[in-house]
Amino acid sequence: MKSECILNEEEKLFSEALCFIAGTQQVSVSSVQRKLNIGYNLAACLVMKMEEQKFITPPIYSGKRLVLINKEFKKSIRNLIKHKFFLLWKLII
């Protein structure tokens, strides 16, 4: 049960980070860290995961990355999260 809680917390942080970068169209480890109020290592892992899943580019020049998702994606993520929690709630009841 504890591992499920950890996984859900990581998924929640990842989706919050995606919403953040979709809204600002900028990404850096430190900005994700500040926005989500998490440690630098966890923020770095989230940014690496975004890169692996092609939401952002690898560092191009001077460490800058491009965001490959648009602001409309933020709405989709929010709706998906609401739907997922609704389905989990239905399973519990």
C-alpha atoms as a PDB file:
ATOM      1  CA  MET A   1       0.000   0.000   0.000  1.00  0.00           C
ATOM      2  CA  LYS A   2       2.852   2.386   0.806  1.00  0.00           C
ATOM      3  CA  SER A   3       4.402   1.896  -2.635  1.00  0.00           C
ATOM      4  CA  GLU A   4       1.053   2.802  -4.242  1.00  0.00           C
ATOM      5  CA  CYS A   5       0.970   6.028  -2.229  1.00  0.00           C
ATOM      6  CA  ILE A   6       4.503   6.882  -3.306  1.00  0.00           C
ATOM      7  CA  LEU A   7       3.705   6.118  -6.946  1.00  0.00           C
ATOM      8  CA  ASN A   8       0.587   8.261  -6.847  1.00  0.00           C
ATOM      9  CA  GLU A   9       2.536  11.109  -5.237  1.00  0.00           C
ATOM     10  CA  GLU A  10       5.199  10.890  -7.961  1.00  0.00           C
ATOM     11  CA  GLU A  11       2.516  10.863 -10.661  1.00  0.00           C
ATOM     12  CA  LYS A  12       0.884  13.900  -9.058  1.00  0.00           C
ATOM     13  CA  LEU A  13       4.184  15.798  -8.926  1.00  0.00           C
ATOM     14  CA  PHE A  14       4.953  14.873 -12.523  1.00  0.00           C
ATOM     15  CA  SER A  15       1.565  16.078 -13.753  1.00  0.00           C
ATOM     16  CA  GLU A  16       1.909  19.314 -11.740  1.00  0.00           C
ATOM     17  CA  ALA A  17       5.342  19.856 -13.267  1.00  0.00           C
ATOM     18  CA  LEU A  18       3.935  19.266 -16.766  1.00  0.00           C
ATOM     19  CA  CYS A  19       1.143  21.767 -16.144  1.00  0.00           C
ATOM     20  CA  PHE A  20       3.682  24.282 -14.887  1.00  0.00           C
ATOM     21  CA  ILE A  21       5.984  24.032 -17.905  1.00  0.00           C
ATOM     22  CA  ALA A  22       3.039  23.988 -20.323  1.00  0.00           C
ATOM     23  CA  GLY A  23       1.808  27.235 -18.801  1.00  0.00           C
ATOM     24  CA  THR A  24       5.147  29.037 -18.684  1.00  0.00           C
ATOM     25  CA  GLN A  25       6.700  27.461 -21.804  1.00  0.00           C
ATOM     26  CA  GLN A  26      10.017  27.426 -19.927  1.00  0.00           C
ATOM     27  CA  VAL A  27      11.695  24.661 -17.965  1.00  0.00           C
ATOM     28  CA  SER A  28      14.617  24.417 -15.610  1.00  0.00           C
ATOM     29  CA  VAL A  29      15.303  22.147 -12.693  1.00  0.00           C
ATOM     30  CA  SER A  30      15.403  25.078 -10.299  1.00  0.00           C
ATOM     31  CA  SER A  31      12.083  26.528 -11.514  1.00  0.00           C
ATOM     32  CA  VAL A  32      10.368  23.153 -11.089  1.00  0.00           C
ATOM     33  CA  GLN A  33      11.976  22.837  -7.662  1.00  0.00           C
ATOM     34  CA  ARG A  34      10.710  26.246  -6.556  1.00  0.00           C
ATOM     35  CA  LYS A  35       7.227  25.840  -8.033  1.00  0.00           C
ATOM     36  CA  LEU A  36       6.586  22.400  -6.496  1.00  0.00           C
ATOM     37  CA  ASN A  37       8.523  23.127  -3.295  1.00  0.00           C
ATOM     38  CA  ILE A  38      10.601  19.950  -3.612  1.00  0.00           C
ATOM     39  CA  GLY A  39      14.270  19.057  -3.443  1.00  0.00           C
ATOM     40  CA  TYR A  40      16.665  19.657  -6.319  1.00  0.00           C
ATOM     41  CA  ASN A  41      17.292  15.933  -6.925  1.00  0.00           C
ATOM     42  CA  LEU A  42      13.578  15.144  -7.243  1.00  0.00           C
ATOM     43  CA  ALA A  43      13.084  18.138  -9.551  1.00  0.00           C
ATOM     44  CA  ALA A  44      16.008  16.926 -11.687  1.00  0.00           C
ATOM     45  CA  CYS A  45      14.419  13.470 -11.910  1.00  0.00           C
ATOM     46  CA  LEU A  46      11.122  15.015 -13.030  1.00  0.00           C
ATOM     47  CA  VAL A  47      12.875  17.072 -15.715  1.00  0.00           C
ATOM     48  CA  MET A  48      14.776  13.989 -16.911  1.00  0.00           C
ATOM     49  CA  LYS A  49      11.490  12.064 -17.082  1.00  0.00           C
ATOM     50  CA  MET A  50       9.958  14.895 -19.139  1.00  0.00           C
ATOM     51  CA  GLU A  51      12.894  14.689 -21.516  1.00  0.00           C
ATOM     52  CA  GLU A  52      12.643  10.897 -21.796  1.00  0.00           C
ATOM     53  CA  GLN A  53       8.946  11.163 -22.606  1.00  0.00           C
ATOM     54  CA  LYS A  54       9.606  13.902 -25.204  1.00  0.00           C
ATOM     55  CA  PHE A  55       7.746  16.713 -23.432  1.00  0.00           C
ATOM     56  CA  ILE A  56      10.926  18.832 -23.536  1.00  0.00           C
ATOM     57  CA  THR A  57      14.154  18.795 -25.529  1.00  0.00           C
ATOM     58  CA  PRO A  58      17.593  17.922 -24.219  1.00  0.00           C
ATOM     59  CA  PRO A  59      19.665  20.994 -23.344  1.00  0.00           C
ATOM     60  CA  ILE A  60      20.323  22.856 -26.598  1.00  0.00           C
ATOM     61  CA  TYR A  61      22.693  25.698 -25.751  1.00  0.00           C
ATOM     62  CA  SER A  62      23.843  27.016 -22.402  1.00  0.00           C
ATOM     63  CA  GLY A  63      21.564  24.453 -20.746  1.00  0.00           C
ATOM     64  CA  LYS A  64      18.331  25.830 -22.234  1.00  0.00           C
ATOM     65  CA  ARG A  65      15.565  23.390 -23.103  1.00  0.00           C
ATOM     66  CA  LEU A  66      12.551  23.865 -25.343  1.00  0.00           C
ATOM     67  CA  VAL A  67       9.066  22.908 -24.177  1.00  0.00           C
ATOM     68  CA  LEU A  68       7.383  20.700 -26.786  1.00  0.00           C
ATOM     69  CA  ILE A  69       3.869  20.896 -25.347  1.00  0.00           C
ATOM     70  CA  ASN A  70       1.554  23.865 -25.632  1.00  0.00           C
ATOM     71  CA  LYS A  71      -0.681  25.643 -23.151  1.00  0.00           C
ATOM     72  CA  GLU A  72      -3.736  23.637 -24.285  1.00  0.00           C
ATOM     73  CA  PHE A  73      -1.966  20.523 -23.039  1.00  0.00           C
ATOM     74  CA  LYS A  74      -2.282  21.949 -19.518  1.00  0.00           C
ATOM     75  CA  LYS A  75      -6.089  21.725 -19.744  1.00  0.00           C
ATOM     76  CA  SER A  76      -5.864  18.147 -21.002  1.00  0.00           C
ATOM     77  CA  ILE A  77      -3.635  17.134 -18.088  1.00  0.00           C
ATOM     78  CA  ARG A  78      -5.992  18.720 -15.559  1.00  0.00           C
ATOM     79  CA  ASN A  79      -8.990  16.910 -17.076  1.00  0.00           C
ATOM     80  CA  LEU A  80      -7.109  13.613 -17.146  1.00  0.00           C
ATOM     81  CA  ILE A  81      -6.185  13.959 -13.472  1.00  0.00           C
ATOM     82  CA  LYS A  82      -9.779  14.713 -12.509  1.00  0.00           C
ATOM     83  CA  HIS A  83     -10.990  11.727 -14.528  1.00  0.00           C
ATOM     84  CA  LYS A  84      -8.361   9.418 -13.023  1.00  0.00           C
ATOM     85  CA  PHE A  85      -9.250  10.410  -9.460  1.00  0.00           C
ATOM     86  CA  PHE A  86     -12.934   9.962 -10.257  1.00  0.00           C
ATOM     87  CA  LEU A  87     -12.270   6.419 -11.516  1.00  0.00           C
ATOM     88  CA  LEU A  88     -10.176   5.599  -8.436  1.00  0.00           C
ATOM     89  CA  TRP A  89     -12.941   6.930  -6.212  1.00  0.00           C
ATOM     90  CA  LYS A  90     -15.485   4.745  -8.010  1.00  0.00           C
ATOM     91  CA  LEU A  91     -13.274   1.682  -7.476  1.00  0.00           C
ATOM     92  CA  ILE A  92     -13.013   2.355  -3.754  1.00  0.00           C
ATOM     93  CA  ILE A  93     -16.762   2.681  -3.279  1.00  0.00           C
END
